[in-house]
């Protein structure tokens, strides 16, 4: 995915999906529980089925990967020179 596609996909997110995406790390893979804890730390509570749906949607949109089953990581696109 290139930077343009990434930005376009991010621009079309719902408010809840945006908050979930912002809570998913780029360099590490986290479980749903760790992502939910990060959301709570940011004063956002998302029910487990909604969190799962958002993560699945983010995977379908190419914004998040699941490198290991049950572990999620944001997609990073290297900046072009």
Protein backbone atom coordinates (compact mmCIF):
# COMPACT_ATOMS: atom_id res chain seq x y z
CA UNK A 1 0.00 0.00 0.00
CA UNK A 2 1.33 3.42 -0.86
CA UNK A 3 1.01 6.60 1.19
CA UNK A 4 -1.88 7.95 -0.91
CA UNK A 5 -3.98 4.80 -0.50
CA UNK A 6 -3.20 4.69 3.20
CA UNK A 7 -4.29 8.30 3.73
CA UNK A 8 -7.43 7.78 1.64
CA UNK A 9 -8.42 4.68 3.64
CA UNK A 10 -7.78 6.54 6.92
CA UNK A 11 -9.90 9.49 5.78
CA UNK A 12 -12.94 7.23 5.28
CA UNK A 13 -12.92 5.72 8.80
CA UNK A 14 -15.71 6.16 11.30
CA UNK A 15 -14.86 7.95 14.54
CA UNK A 16 -14.75 4.68 16.50
CA UNK A 17 -12.62 2.92 13.87
CA UNK A 18 -10.22 5.90 13.90
CA UNK A 19 -9.83 5.62 17.68
CA UNK A 20 -9.20 1.88 17.39
CA UNK A 21 -6.63 2.43 14.64
CA UNK A 22 -4.86 5.06 16.73
CA UNK A 23 -4.61 2.54 19.61
CA UNK A 24 -2.98 -0.18 17.47
CA UNK A 25 0.83 -0.02 17.58
CA UNK A 26 3.03 0.08 14.48
CA UNK A 27 6.15 -1.66 15.76
CA UNK A 28 4.59 -4.32 17.99
CA UNK A 29 1.70 -6.76 17.66
CA UNK A 30 -0.91 -6.44 20.40
CA UNK A 31 -3.86 -8.59 21.43
CA UNK A 32 -7.42 -7.24 21.49
CA UNK A 33 -7.11 -7.01 25.27
CA UNK A 34 -4.00 -4.82 25.04
CA UNK A 35 -5.70 -2.59 22.45
CA UNK A 36 -8.78 -2.31 24.68
CA UNK A 37 -6.53 -1.33 27.60
CA UNK A 38 -4.88 1.35 25.47
CA UNK A 39 -8.31 2.67 24.46
CA UNK A 40 -9.34 2.77 28.13
CA UNK A 41 -6.12 4.62 28.96
CA UNK A 42 -7.21 7.18 26.37
CA UNK A 43 -10.65 7.39 28.04
CA UNK A 44 -12.41 5.51 25.25
CA UNK A 45 -14.48 2.43 26.00
CA UNK A 46 -15.29 0.10 23.11
CA UNK A 47 -17.33 -3.06 23.59
CA UNK A 48 -15.52 -6.26 22.61
CA UNK A 49 -17.76 -7.08 19.60
CA UNK A 50 -17.34 -3.52 18.29
CA UNK A 51 -13.57 -3.69 18.78
CA UNK A 52 -13.43 -7.00 16.90
CA UNK A 53 -15.56 -5.59 14.09
CA UNK A 54 -13.37 -2.50 13.82
CA UNK A 55 -10.20 -4.59 13.72
CA UNK A 56 -11.68 -6.84 11.01
CA UNK A 57 -12.71 -3.79 9.00
CA UNK A 58 -9.26 -2.24 9.42
CA UNK A 59 -7.68 -5.49 8.21
CA UNK A 60 -10.02 -5.54 5.18
CA UNK A 61 -9.07 -1.91 4.44
CA UNK A 62 -5.36 -2.82 4.60
CA UNK A 63 -4.64 -0.53 7.56
CA UNK A 64 -3.95 -3.29 10.11
CA UNK A 65 -2.32 -6.70 9.79
CA UNK A 66 -2.70 -9.80 11.93
CA UNK A 67 0.81 -11.31 11.63
CA UNK A 68 0.02 -13.85 14.35
CA UNK A 69 -3.52 -15.01 15.01
CA UNK A 70 -5.05 -12.71 17.62
CA UNK A 71 -2.20 -10.15 17.44
CA UNK A 72 -2.65 -6.88 15.55
CA UNK A 73 -0.23 -4.30 14.16
CA UNK A 74 -0.73 -1.13 12.11
CA UNK A 75 0.56 -1.06 8.57
CA UNK A 76 3.38 1.39 8.07
CA UNK A 77 4.34 2.79 4.70
CA UNK A 78 7.89 4.10 4.37
CA UNK A 79 8.05 7.77 3.55
CA UNK A 80 9.11 8.37 -0.03
CA UNK A 81 12.24 10.45 -0.62
